[in-house]
Amino acid sequence: TVAVDAVPGTYAVVAPYVEVQGDGQENGRAEMIRCADARCDNPDVIDLGPLRSYSPAALRLTDDGTAYILVADSGRKEVKLSVVRRGATTVEQLASWSLQPDRYGSFSVSETDLNGLFSLELRPDGRPVVIYRDTVSGKLRIMSCNDSACRDPSTGDVDIPVDASHEPTVTMDSTGRPLIAAHERGRGVVMYKIGRASC
């Protein structure tokens, strides 16, 4: 999937793609295209590295134009959180974790799975938060960066019913705590507020 975000002075797109070589071999890669305005006459094209298969992506920009990028690579069976700092043309990997097979033994992620499995949001101070669904237990988990470099992220379970954790929609309130909207069987759409910012 293509991910897009914009703040005043910065417009950015993350685009995973596949190059087909002459011998038929497919090489997957991803790029971030960054522009200073919507006309995008002189874009920065930043290589985000190789990907082994179709890889959904999410992108969030801080107010100063720093880009946080989440890519789920089912070929390498991992999820990566990276950053491109304001004005930089190189990518820094901040954190990664392994994808676990689901109950059918599959590691695949698809366009629809991105919203159901992974969500990238920013706290008001710009620190990234990733909420993702554990494909083994079915529970939601949270990875919260304690600083902009994400040197020692906090992780934990999100205590909501498993049947409400399949396709949640996540945002942040003004205090930096996640709000999760989900459809819970028998109750309809329910809003959950995580009581502790780090869960």
N, C-alpha and C. Protein backbone atom coordinates (compact mmCIF):
# COMPACT_ATOMS: atom_id res chain seq x y z
N THR A 1 0.84 -1.19 0.00
CA THR A 1 0.00 0.00 0.00
C THR A 1 0.88 1.24 0.00
N VAL A 2 0.34 2.32 -0.53
CA VAL A 2 1.00 3.62 -0.50
C VAL A 2 0.48 4.39 0.71
N ALA A 3 1.39 4.96 1.49
CA ALA A 3 1.01 5.75 2.66
C ALA A 3 1.36 7.21 2.41
N VAL A 4 0.50 8.13 2.86
CA VAL A 4 0.72 9.55 2.61
C VAL A 4 0.38 10.34 3.87
N ASP A 5 1.12 11.43 4.07
CA ASP A 5 0.83 12.34 5.18
C ASP A 5 1.37 13.71 4.80
N ALA A 6 0.87 14.75 5.47
CA ALA A 6 1.31 16.11 5.18
C ALA A 6 1.17 16.99 6.41
N VAL A 7 2.14 17.88 6.59
CA VAL A 7 2.09 18.96 7.57
C VAL A 7 2.55 20.21 6.84
N PRO A 8 2.31 21.40 7.38
CA PRO A 8 2.77 22.61 6.68
C PRO A 8 4.26 22.55 6.36
N GLY A 9 4.59 22.64 5.09
CA GLY A 9 5.98 22.64 4.65
C GLY A 9 6.54 21.28 4.28
N THR A 10 5.80 20.21 4.53
CA THR A 10 6.28 18.87 4.19
C THR A 10 5.12 18.01 3.72
N TYR A 11 5.29 17.44 2.53
CA TYR A 11 4.35 16.46 1.98
C TYR A 11 5.16 15.20 1.71
N ALA A 12 4.65 14.04 2.13
CA ALA A 12 5.45 12.83 1.97
C ALA A 12 4.58 11.64 1.60
N VAL A 13 5.19 10.74 0.82
CA VAL A 13 4.55 9.49 0.40
C VAL A 13 5.56 8.36 0.59
N VAL A 14 5.11 7.24 1.13
CA VAL A 14 5.92 6.03 1.19
C VAL A 14 5.30 5.03 0.23
N ALA A 15 6.12 4.51 -0.68
CA ALA A 15 5.61 3.63 -1.73
C ALA A 15 6.46 2.38 -1.85
N PRO A 16 5.99 1.24 -1.33
CA PRO A 16 6.64 -0.04 -1.64
C PRO A 16 6.37 -0.40 -3.11
N TYR A 17 7.34 -1.01 -3.75
CA TYR A 17 7.15 -1.40 -5.15
C TYR A 17 8.02 -2.61 -5.47
N VAL A 18 7.75 -3.23 -6.61
CA VAL A 18 8.48 -4.41 -7.04
C VAL A 18 9.06 -4.14 -8.42
N GLU A 19 10.37 -4.37 -8.57
CA GLU A 19 11.03 -4.29 -9.88
C GLU A 19 11.18 -5.71 -10.43
N VAL A 20 10.77 -5.89 -11.67
CA VAL A 20 10.90 -7.20 -12.33
C VAL A 20 12.12 -7.16 -13.24
N GLN A 21 13.10 -8.02 -12.96
CA GLN A 21 14.33 -8.07 -13.74
C GLN A 21 14.10 -8.82 -15.06
N GLY A 22 15.08 -8.76 -15.94
CA GLY A 22 14.99 -9.43 -17.24
C GLY A 22 14.79 -10.93 -17.13
N ASP A 23 15.33 -11.53 -16.06
CA ASP A 23 15.18 -12.98 -15.89
C ASP A 23 13.89 -13.34 -15.15
N GLY A 24 13.05 -12.33 -14.90
CA GLY A 24 11.79 -12.58 -14.23
C GLY A 24 11.85 -12.49 -12.72
N GLN A 25 13.04 -12.31 -12.17
CA GLN A 25 13.18 -12.21 -10.72
C GLN A 25 12.60 -10.89 -10.22
N GLU A 26 11.88 -10.94 -9.12
CA GLU A 26 11.27 -9.76 -8.55
C GLU A 26 12.10 -9.25 -7.37
N ASN A 27 12.41 -7.96 -7.40
CA ASN A 27 13.13 -7.32 -6.30
C ASN A 27 12.24 -6.23 -5.71
N GLY A 28 11.87 -6.41 -4.46
CA GLY A 28 11.02 -5.43 -3.80
C GLY A 28 11.85 -4.35 -3.10
N ARG A 29 11.38 -3.11 -3.15
CA ARG A 29 12.02 -2.01 -2.46
C ARG A 29 10.93 -1.04 -2.00
N ALA A 30 11.34 -0.04 -1.24
CA ALA A 30 10.42 1.02 -0.84
C ALA A 30 11.16 2.35 -0.89
N GLU A 31 10.43 3.40 -1.22
CA GLU A 31 10.97 4.75 -1.26
C GLU A 31 10.04 5.69 -0.50
N MET A 32 10.64 6.74 0.05
CA MET A 32 9.84 7.85 0.54
C MET A 32 10.10 9.04 -0.36
N ILE A 33 9.03 9.64 -0.85
CA ILE A 33 9.13 10.83 -1.69
C ILE A 33 8.66 12.01 -0.83
N ARG A 34 9.54 13.00 -0.66
CA ARG A 34 9.25 14.13 0.23
C ARG A 34 9.29 15.43 -0.54
N CYS A 35 8.30 16.27 -0.36
CA CYS A 35 8.19 17.53 -1.09
C CYS A 35 7.95 18.67 -0.12
N ALA A 36 8.34 19.86 -0.54
CA ALA A 36 8.14 21.05 0.28
C ALA A 36 6.77 21.67 0.07
N ASP A 37 6.10 21.33 -1.03
CA ASP A 37 4.76 21.84 -1.29
C ASP A 37 4.00 20.82 -2.13
N ALA A 38 2.73 21.11 -2.37
CA ALA A 38 1.88 20.14 -3.07
C ALA A 38 2.23 20.00 -4.55
N ARG A 39 2.93 20.97 -5.14
CA ARG A 39 3.34 20.85 -6.54
C ARG A 39 4.45 19.82 -6.71
N CYS A 40 5.30 19.69 -5.71
CA CYS A 40 6.35 18.66 -5.68
C CYS A 40 7.25 18.74 -6.93
N ASP A 41 7.70 19.97 -7.25
CA ASP A 41 8.54 20.14 -8.43
C ASP A 41 9.95 19.59 -8.24
N ASN A 42 10.45 19.56 -7.01
CA ASN A 42 11.82 19.14 -6.75
C ASN A 42 11.85 18.19 -5.56
N PRO A 43 11.34 16.97 -5.71
CA PRO A 43 11.20 16.07 -4.56
C PRO A 43 12.52 15.45 -4.12
N ASP A 44 12.59 15.13 -2.83
CA ASP A 44 13.64 14.25 -2.32
C ASP A 44 13.13 12.82 -2.42
N VAL A 45 13.92 11.92 -3.01
CA VAL A 45 13.56 10.52 -3.10
C VAL A 45 14.54 9.74 -2.22
N ILE A 46 14.01 9.13 -1.18
CA ILE A 46 14.83 8.49 -0.16
C ILE A 46 14.59 6.99 -0.19
N ASP A 47 15.65 6.24 -0.41
CA ASP A 47 15.56 4.78 -0.48
C ASP A 47 15.39 4.21 0.93
N LEU A 48 14.33 3.44 1.12
CA LEU A 48 14.06 2.84 2.42
C LEU A 48 14.55 1.40 2.52
N GLY A 49 15.13 0.88 1.43
CA GLY A 49 15.74 -0.43 1.49
C GLY A 49 14.92 -1.52 0.83
N PRO A 50 15.49 -2.73 0.79
CA PRO A 50 14.83 -3.85 0.10
C PRO A 50 13.68 -4.43 0.90
N LEU A 51 12.73 -4.99 0.19
CA LEU A 51 11.62 -5.72 0.78
C LEU A 51 11.49 -7.04 0.02
N ARG A 52 11.15 -8.08 0.72
CA ARG A 52 11.09 -9.38 0.06
C ARG A 52 9.71 -9.72 -0.49
N SER A 53 8.71 -8.98 -0.11
CA SER A 53 7.37 -9.29 -0.62
C SER A 53 6.51 -8.06 -0.47
N TYR A 54 5.25 -8.20 -0.89
CA TYR A 54 4.28 -7.12 -0.72
C TYR A 54 4.27 -6.65 0.73
N SER A 55 4.40 -5.36 0.95
CA SER A 55 4.59 -4.87 2.31
C SER A 55 3.76 -3.62 2.56
N PRO A 56 2.71 -3.73 3.34
CA PRO A 56 1.94 -2.55 3.72
C PRO A 56 2.79 -1.57 4.51
N ALA A 57 2.48 -0.28 4.40
CA ALA A 57 3.25 0.75 5.08
C ALA A 57 2.31 1.77 5.71
N ALA A 58 2.80 2.40 6.77
CA ALA A 58 2.10 3.53 7.40
C ALA A 58 3.12 4.65 7.59
N LEU A 59 2.65 5.90 7.54
CA LEU A 59 3.52 7.07 7.60
C LEU A 59 2.87 8.13 8.47
N ARG A 60 3.65 8.72 9.37
CA ARG A 60 3.19 9.85 10.16
C ARG A 60 4.30 10.90 10.21
N LEU A 61 3.92 12.16 10.01
CA LEU A 61 4.86 13.28 10.07
C LEU A 61 4.66 14.07 11.35
N THR A 62 5.77 14.45 11.99
CA THR A 62 5.69 15.37 13.11
C THR A 62 5.53 16.79 12.57
N ASP A 63 5.28 17.74 13.45
CA ASP A 63 5.07 19.12 13.02
C ASP A 63 6.29 19.70 12.31
N ASP A 64 7.50 19.21 12.64
CA ASP A 64 8.70 19.75 11.99
C ASP A 64 9.08 19.00 10.72
N GLY A 65 8.27 18.01 10.31
CA GLY A 65 8.53 17.29 9.07
C GLY A 65 9.30 16.00 9.22
N THR A 66 9.64 15.61 10.44
CA THR A 66 10.26 14.30 10.66
C THR A 66 9.26 13.21 10.31
N ALA A 67 9.71 12.19 9.58
CA ALA A 67 8.82 11.13 9.10
C ALA A 67 9.08 9.83 9.85
N TYR A 68 8.05 9.29 10.47
CA TYR A 68 8.11 7.95 11.06
C TYR A 68 7.38 6.99 10.13
N ILE A 69 8.01 5.85 9.86
CA ILE A 69 7.54 4.91 8.85
C ILE A 69 7.44 3.52 9.46
N LEU A 70 6.30 2.88 9.26
CA LEU A 70 6.09 1.51 9.71
C LEU A 70 5.87 0.64 8.49
N VAL A 71 6.67 -0.42 8.35
CA VAL A 71 6.53 -1.34 7.22
C VAL A 71 6.43 -2.76 7.76
N ALA A 72 5.42 -3.49 7.31
CA ALA A 72 5.25 -4.90 7.67
C ALA A 72 5.69 -5.75 6.48
N ASP A 73 6.79 -6.45 6.64
CA ASP A 73 7.39 -7.22 5.56
C ASP A 73 7.14 -8.70 5.81
N SER A 74 6.16 -9.27 5.10
CA SER A 74 5.85 -10.69 5.33
C SER A 74 6.91 -11.60 4.75
N GLY A 75 7.73 -11.10 3.80
CA GLY A 75 8.82 -11.91 3.26
C GLY A 75 9.89 -12.16 4.29
N ARG A 76 10.29 -11.09 5.01
CA ARG A 76 11.28 -11.24 6.08
C ARG A 76 10.64 -11.59 7.41
N LYS A 77 9.32 -11.62 7.43
CA LYS A 77 8.58 -11.96 8.65
C LYS A 77 8.92 -11.00 9.78
N GLU A 78 8.89 -9.69 9.46
CA GLU A 78 9.19 -8.71 10.49
C GLU A 78 8.45 -7.41 10.23
N VAL A 79 8.32 -6.63 11.29
CA VAL A 79 7.76 -5.28 11.22
C VAL A 79 8.88 -4.33 11.62
N LYS A 80 9.04 -3.23 10.85
CA LYS A 80 10.11 -2.28 11.12
C LYS A 80 9.54 -0.88 11.31
N LEU A 81 10.04 -0.20 12.34
CA LEU A 81 9.74 1.21 12.56
C LEU A 81 11.01 1.99 12.28
N SER A 82 10.92 2.95 11.36
CA SER A 82 12.08 3.74 10.94
C SER A 82 11.74 5.22 10.99
N VAL A 83 12.78 6.06 10.89
CA VAL A 83 12.58 7.51 10.89
C VAL A 83 13.49 8.15 9.86
N VAL A 84 12.97 9.17 9.20
CA VAL A 84 13.77 10.07 8.36
C VAL A 84 13.63 11.44 8.98
N ARG A 85 14.73 11.95 9.53
CA ARG A 85 14.70 13.23 10.25
C ARG A 85 14.47 14.39 9.27
N ARG A 86 14.01 15.48 9.82
CA ARG A 86 13.80 16.68 9.01
C ARG A 86 15.09 17.06 8.28
N GLY A 87 15.01 17.22 6.97
CA GLY A 87 16.16 17.62 6.17
C GLY A 87 17.12 16.50 5.83
N ALA A 88 16.96 15.33 6.44
CA ALA A 88 17.87 14.21 6.19
C ALA A 88 17.46 13.47 4.93
N THR A 89 18.41 12.76 4.35
CA THR A 89 18.13 11.93 3.17
C THR A 89 18.50 10.47 3.41
N THR A 90 18.66 10.11 4.66
CA THR A 90 18.93 8.73 5.02
C THR A 90 17.89 8.28 6.05
N VAL A 91 17.69 6.97 6.10
CA VAL A 91 16.69 6.40 7.01
C VAL A 91 17.39 5.74 8.18
N GLU A 92 16.83 5.88 9.38
CA GLU A 92 17.34 5.22 10.58
C GLU A 92 16.29 4.21 11.05
N GLN A 93 16.72 2.97 11.27
CA GLN A 93 15.79 1.99 11.82
C GLN A 93 15.76 2.13 13.33
N LEU A 94 14.57 2.25 13.90
CA LEU A 94 14.42 2.46 15.33
C LEU A 94 14.11 1.18 16.08
N ALA A 95 13.24 0.36 15.52
CA ALA A 95 12.82 -0.86 16.21
C ALA A 95 12.30 -1.86 15.19
N SER A 96 12.36 -3.12 15.55
CA SER A 96 11.78 -4.16 14.70
C SER A 96 11.36 -5.32 15.58
N TRP A 97 10.40 -6.08 15.11
CA TRP A 97 10.00 -7.29 15.81
C TRP A 97 9.48 -8.29 14.80
N SER A 98 9.50 -9.55 15.20
CA SER A 98 9.14 -10.64 14.28
C SER A 98 7.64 -10.77 14.14
N LEU A 99 7.22 -11.07 12.91
CA LEU A 99 5.84 -11.47 12.67
C LEU A 99 5.69 -12.94 13.03
N GLN A 100 4.67 -13.26 13.79
CA GLN A 100 4.40 -14.65 14.14
C GLN A 100 3.33 -15.20 13.20
N PRO A 101 3.39 -16.48 12.87
CA PRO A 101 2.36 -17.04 12.01
C PRO A 101 1.00 -17.05 12.70
N ASP A 102 -0.06 -16.87 11.91
CA ASP A 102 -1.40 -16.94 12.48
C ASP A 102 -1.79 -18.41 12.71
N ARG A 103 -3.03 -18.61 13.10
CA ARG A 103 -3.45 -19.99 13.45
C ARG A 103 -3.42 -20.93 12.26
N TYR A 104 -3.36 -20.37 11.05
CA TYR A 104 -3.27 -21.20 9.85
C TYR A 104 -1.82 -21.37 9.38
N GLY A 105 -0.86 -20.83 10.14
CA GLY A 105 0.54 -20.94 9.77
C GLY A 105 0.98 -19.93 8.73
N SER A 106 0.15 -18.90 8.50
CA SER A 106 0.46 -17.90 7.47
C SER A 106 1.14 -16.68 8.08
N PHE A 107 2.10 -16.12 7.33
CA PHE A 107 2.75 -14.88 7.72
C PHE A 107 2.27 -13.70 6.86
N SER A 108 1.31 -13.94 5.98
CA SER A 108 0.97 -12.93 4.99
C SER A 108 0.32 -11.71 5.63
N VAL A 109 0.61 -10.54 5.06
CA VAL A 109 -0.07 -9.30 5.41
C VAL A 109 -0.56 -8.69 4.12
N SER A 110 -1.73 -8.13 4.18
CA SER A 110 -2.33 -7.56 2.98
C SER A 110 -2.76 -6.14 3.25
N GLU A 111 -3.29 -5.49 2.23
CA GLU A 111 -3.73 -4.11 2.38
C GLU A 111 -4.77 -3.98 3.47
N THR A 112 -5.71 -4.91 3.52
CA THR A 112 -6.74 -4.82 4.55
C THR A 112 -6.17 -5.18 5.92
N ASP A 113 -5.16 -6.06 5.95
CA ASP A 113 -4.58 -6.44 7.23
C ASP A 113 -3.86 -5.30 7.91
N LEU A 114 -3.38 -4.31 7.15
CA LEU A 114 -2.59 -3.24 7.77
C LEU A 114 -3.41 -2.53 8.83
N ASN A 115 -4.65 -2.17 8.53
CA ASN A 115 -5.48 -1.52 9.53
C ASN A 115 -5.88 -2.48 10.64
N GLY A 116 -6.03 -3.76 10.30
CA GLY A 116 -6.42 -4.72 11.30
C GLY A 116 -5.28 -5.17 12.20
N LEU A 117 -4.04 -5.11 11.72
CA LEU A 117 -2.91 -5.63 12.46
C LEU A 117 -1.98 -4.55 13.02
N PHE A 118 -1.82 -3.44 12.32
CA PHE A 118 -0.82 -2.45 12.71
C PHE A 118 -1.39 -1.04 12.60
N SER A 119 -1.07 -0.21 13.57
CA SER A 119 -1.47 1.19 13.52
C SER A 119 -0.34 2.04 14.08
N LEU A 120 0.07 3.05 13.33
CA LEU A 120 1.13 3.96 13.74
C LEU A 120 0.52 5.33 14.02
N GLU A 121 0.75 5.83 15.22
CA GLU A 121 0.27 7.16 15.59
C GLU A 121 1.38 7.90 16.33
N LEU A 122 1.21 9.21 16.46
CA LEU A 122 2.18 10.05 17.18
C LEU A 122 1.50 10.70 18.38
N ARG A 123 2.22 10.72 19.48
CA ARG A 123 1.75 11.48 20.64
C ARG A 123 1.90 12.98 20.34
N PRO A 124 1.25 13.84 21.12
CA PRO A 124 1.36 15.28 20.86
C PRO A 124 2.79 15.81 20.85
N ASP A 125 3.71 15.14 21.58
CA ASP A 125 5.11 15.57 21.58
C ASP A 125 5.92 14.93 20.45
N GLY A 126 5.27 14.17 19.58
CA GLY A 126 5.95 13.60 18.42
C GLY A 126 6.49 12.19 18.59
N ARG A 127 6.38 11.60 19.78
CA ARG A 127 6.88 10.24 19.98
C ARG A 127 5.94 9.23 19.33
N PRO A 128 6.49 8.27 18.58
CA PRO A 128 5.64 7.30 17.91
C PRO A 128 5.12 6.21 18.84
N VAL A 129 3.94 5.74 18.50
CA VAL A 129 3.29 4.62 19.18
C VAL A 129 2.78 3.66 18.12
N VAL A 130 3.08 2.38 18.30
CA VAL A 130 2.57 1.36 17.39
C VAL A 130 1.64 0.45 18.17
N ILE A 131 0.43 0.29 17.67
CA ILE A 131 -0.50 -0.68 18.24
C ILE A 131 -0.70 -1.77 17.20
N TYR A 132 -0.52 -3.01 17.62
CA TYR A 132 -0.58 -4.11 16.67
C TYR A 132 -1.26 -5.32 17.29
N ARG A 133 -1.80 -6.16 16.45
CA ARG A 133 -2.49 -7.35 16.92
C ARG A 133 -1.55 -8.54 16.85
N ASP A 134 -1.42 -9.23 17.96
CA ASP A 134 -0.63 -10.45 18.02
C ASP A 134 -1.39 -11.53 17.26
N THR A 135 -0.79 -12.04 16.18
CA THR A 135 -1.50 -13.01 15.34
C THR A 135 -1.64 -14.37 16.01
N VAL A 136 -0.90 -14.61 17.09
CA VAL A 136 -1.01 -15.88 17.80
C VAL A 136 -2.12 -15.82 18.84
N SER A 137 -2.07 -14.82 19.73
CA SER A 137 -3.07 -14.72 20.80
C SER A 137 -4.32 -13.97 20.37
N GLY A 138 -4.20 -13.14 19.32
CA GLY A 138 -5.32 -12.31 18.89
C GLY A 138 -5.47 -11.03 19.68
N LYS A 139 -4.64 -10.82 20.71
CA LYS A 139 -4.73 -9.63 21.55
C LYS A 139 -4.01 -8.45 20.90
N LEU A 140 -4.45 -7.25 21.30
CA LEU A 140 -3.73 -6.06 20.88
C LEU A 140 -2.53 -5.84 21.80
N ARG A 141 -1.44 -5.36 21.19
CA ARG A 141 -0.25 -4.98 21.95
C ARG A 141 0.15 -3.56 21.56
N ILE A 142 0.90 -2.92 22.43
CA ILE A 142 1.34 -1.56 22.18
C ILE A 142 2.85 -1.48 22.33
N MET A 143 3.49 -0.78 21.42
CA MET A 143 4.90 -0.45 21.55
C MET A 143 4.99 1.07 21.56
N SER A 144 5.49 1.63 22.65
CA SER A 144 5.52 3.07 22.83
C SER A 144 6.97 3.53 22.97
N CYS A 145 7.37 4.46 22.10
CA CYS A 145 8.72 5.00 22.17
C CYS A 145 8.79 6.03 23.29
N ASN A 146 9.80 5.91 24.15
CA ASN A 146 9.94 6.82 25.28
C ASN A 146 10.69 8.09 24.92
N ASP A 147 11.33 8.12 23.73
CA ASP A 147 11.96 9.33 23.22
C ASP A 147 11.93 9.25 21.70
N SER A 148 12.38 10.32 21.04
CA SER A 148 12.28 10.37 19.58
C SER A 148 13.19 9.35 18.90
N ALA A 149 14.24 8.88 19.61
CA ALA A 149 15.14 7.87 19.05
C ALA A 149 14.65 6.45 19.33
N CYS A 150 13.62 6.30 20.14
CA CYS A 150 13.02 5.00 20.45
C CYS A 150 14.08 4.01 20.94
N ARG A 151 14.96 4.49 21.85
CA ARG A 151 16.08 3.65 22.29
C ARG A 151 15.64 2.49 23.17
N ASP A 152 14.62 2.71 24.00
CA ASP A 152 14.20 1.66 24.93
C ASP A 152 12.67 1.68 25.00
N PRO A 153 12.01 1.20 23.93
CA PRO A 153 10.55 1.30 23.89
C PRO A 153 9.87 0.43 24.94
N SER A 154 8.71 0.90 25.40
CA SER A 154 7.88 0.13 26.31
C SER A 154 6.90 -0.70 25.49
N THR A 155 6.65 -1.92 25.92
CA THR A 155 5.68 -2.78 25.25
C THR A 155 4.74 -3.38 26.28
N GLY A 156 3.56 -3.73 25.84
CA GLY A 156 2.61 -4.34 26.75
C GLY A 156 1.32 -4.70 26.03
N ASP A 157 0.44 -5.41 26.74
CA ASP A 157 -0.85 -5.80 26.19
C ASP A 157 -1.85 -4.66 26.36
N VAL A 158 -2.79 -4.58 25.44
CA VAL A 158 -3.92 -3.66 25.55
C VAL A 158 -5.11 -4.48 26.00
N ASP A 159 -5.65 -4.15 27.15
CA ASP A 159 -6.66 -4.99 27.80
C ASP A 159 -8.06 -4.66 27.29
N ILE A 160 -8.36 -5.18 26.09
CA ILE A 160 -9.72 -5.11 25.57
C ILE A 160 -10.09 -6.51 25.09
N PRO A 161 -11.38 -6.80 24.93
CA PRO A 161 -11.77 -8.15 24.51
C PRO A 161 -11.15 -8.52 23.17
N VAL A 162 -10.78 -9.80 23.03
CA VAL A 162 -10.13 -10.27 21.81
C VAL A 162 -11.00 -10.01 20.59
N ASP A 163 -12.33 -10.18 20.71
CA ASP A 163 -13.19 -10.01 19.54
C ASP A 163 -13.32 -8.54 19.14
N ALA A 164 -12.82 -7.62 19.97
CA ALA A 164 -12.83 -6.20 19.61
C ALA A 164 -11.49 -5.73 19.08
N SER A 165 -10.53 -6.66 18.98
CA SER A 165 -9.16 -6.27 18.64
C SER A 165 -8.78 -6.57 17.20
N HIS A 166 -9.73 -7.01 16.38
CA HIS A 166 -9.37 -7.44 15.03
C HIS A 166 -9.12 -6.29 14.07
N GLU A 167 -9.97 -5.29 14.06
CA GLU A 167 -9.77 -4.17 13.15
C GLU A 167 -10.03 -2.86 13.88
N PRO A 168 -9.20 -2.53 14.86
CA PRO A 168 -9.43 -1.31 15.62
C PRO A 168 -8.99 -0.08 14.84
N THR A 169 -9.59 1.04 15.20
CA THR A 169 -9.13 2.34 14.72
C THR A 169 -8.54 3.07 15.92
N VAL A 170 -7.33 3.59 15.75
CA VAL A 170 -6.59 4.15 16.87
C VAL A 170 -6.25 5.61 16.60
N THR A 171 -6.38 6.44 17.63
CA THR A 171 -5.90 7.82 17.57
C THR A 171 -5.38 8.19 18.96
N MET A 172 -4.85 9.39 19.11
CA MET A 172 -4.33 9.86 20.39
C MET A 172 -5.17 11.01 20.90
N ASP A 173 -5.41 11.04 22.20
CA ASP A 173 -6.09 12.21 22.75
C ASP A 173 -5.07 13.30 23.07
N SER A 174 -5.52 14.42 23.60
CA SER A 174 -4.63 15.57 23.81
C SER A 174 -3.57 15.32 24.87
N THR A 175 -3.76 14.26 25.71
CA THR A 175 -2.76 13.94 26.73
C THR A 175 -1.76 12.91 26.24
N GLY A 176 -1.95 12.40 25.00
CA GLY A 176 -1.03 11.42 24.46
C GLY A 176 -1.39 9.99 24.77
N ARG A 177 -2.62 9.75 25.22
CA ARG A 177 -3.06 8.39 25.50
C ARG A 177 -3.90 7.86 24.34
N PRO A 178 -3.69 6.59 23.98
CA PRO A 178 -4.42 6.04 22.83
C PRO A 178 -5.92 5.89 23.11
N LEU A 179 -6.71 6.23 22.09
CA LEU A 179 -8.13 5.93 22.06
C LEU A 179 -8.35 4.89 20.97
N ILE A 180 -9.08 3.85 21.30
CA ILE A 180 -9.29 2.74 20.36
C ILE A 180 -10.79 2.58 20.14
N ALA A 181 -11.21 2.68 18.90
CA ALA A 181 -12.60 2.41 18.54
C ALA A 181 -12.65 1.06 17.85
N ALA A 182 -13.56 0.21 18.27
CA ALA A 182 -13.65 -1.14 17.70
C ALA A 182 -15.09 -1.62 17.77
N HIS A 183 -15.38 -2.62 16.94
CA HIS A 183 -16.70 -3.24 16.98
C HIS A 183 -16.63 -4.47 17.86
N GLU A 184 -17.40 -4.44 18.94
CA GLU A 184 -17.41 -5.55 19.88
C GLU A 184 -18.71 -6.32 19.71
N ARG A 185 -18.59 -7.62 19.58
CA ARG A 185 -19.76 -8.47 19.34
C ARG A 185 -20.78 -8.28 20.46
N GLY A 186 -22.01 -8.02 20.08
CA GLY A 186 -23.09 -7.86 21.04
C GLY A 186 -23.23 -6.46 21.59
N ARG A 187 -22.24 -5.57 21.35
CA ARG A 187 -22.28 -4.21 21.89
C ARG A 187 -22.21 -3.15 20.81
N GLY A 188 -21.76 -3.53 19.62
CA GLY A 188 -21.61 -2.55 18.55
C GLY A 188 -20.28 -1.83 18.66
N VAL A 189 -20.23 -0.58 18.22
CA VAL A 189 -18.99 0.19 18.25
C VAL A 189 -18.72 0.69 19.66
N VAL A 190 -17.53 0.40 20.16
CA VAL A 190 -17.15 0.76 21.53
C VAL A 190 -15.85 1.56 21.48
N MET A 191 -15.76 2.62 22.30
CA MET A 191 -14.53 3.40 22.41
C MET A 191 -13.82 3.03 23.71
N TYR A 192 -12.55 2.69 23.58
CA TYR A 192 -11.72 2.36 24.74
C TYR A 192 -10.66 3.42 24.91
N LYS A 193 -10.43 3.85 26.15
CA LYS A 193 -9.34 4.77 26.45
C LYS A 193 -8.35 4.04 27.33
N ILE A 194 -7.10 3.98 26.88
CA ILE A 194 -6.06 3.31 27.65
C ILE A 194 -5.70 4.17 28.84
N GLY A 195 -5.80 3.61 30.02
CA GLY A 195 -5.65 4.40 31.24
C GLY A 195 -4.25 4.90 31.51
N ARG A 196 -3.24 4.15 31.06
CA ARG A 196 -1.86 4.56 31.26
C ARG A 196 -1.22 4.79 29.91
N ALA A 197 -0.48 5.88 29.79
CA ALA A 197 0.10 6.23 28.49
C ALA A 197 1.04 5.16 27.96
N SER A 198 1.71 4.44 28.85
CA SER A 198 2.65 3.41 28.42
C SER A 198 2.04 2.03 28.39
N CYS A 199 0.79 1.91 28.90
CA CYS A 199 0.09 0.60 28.99
C CYS A 199 0.95 -0.42 29.71
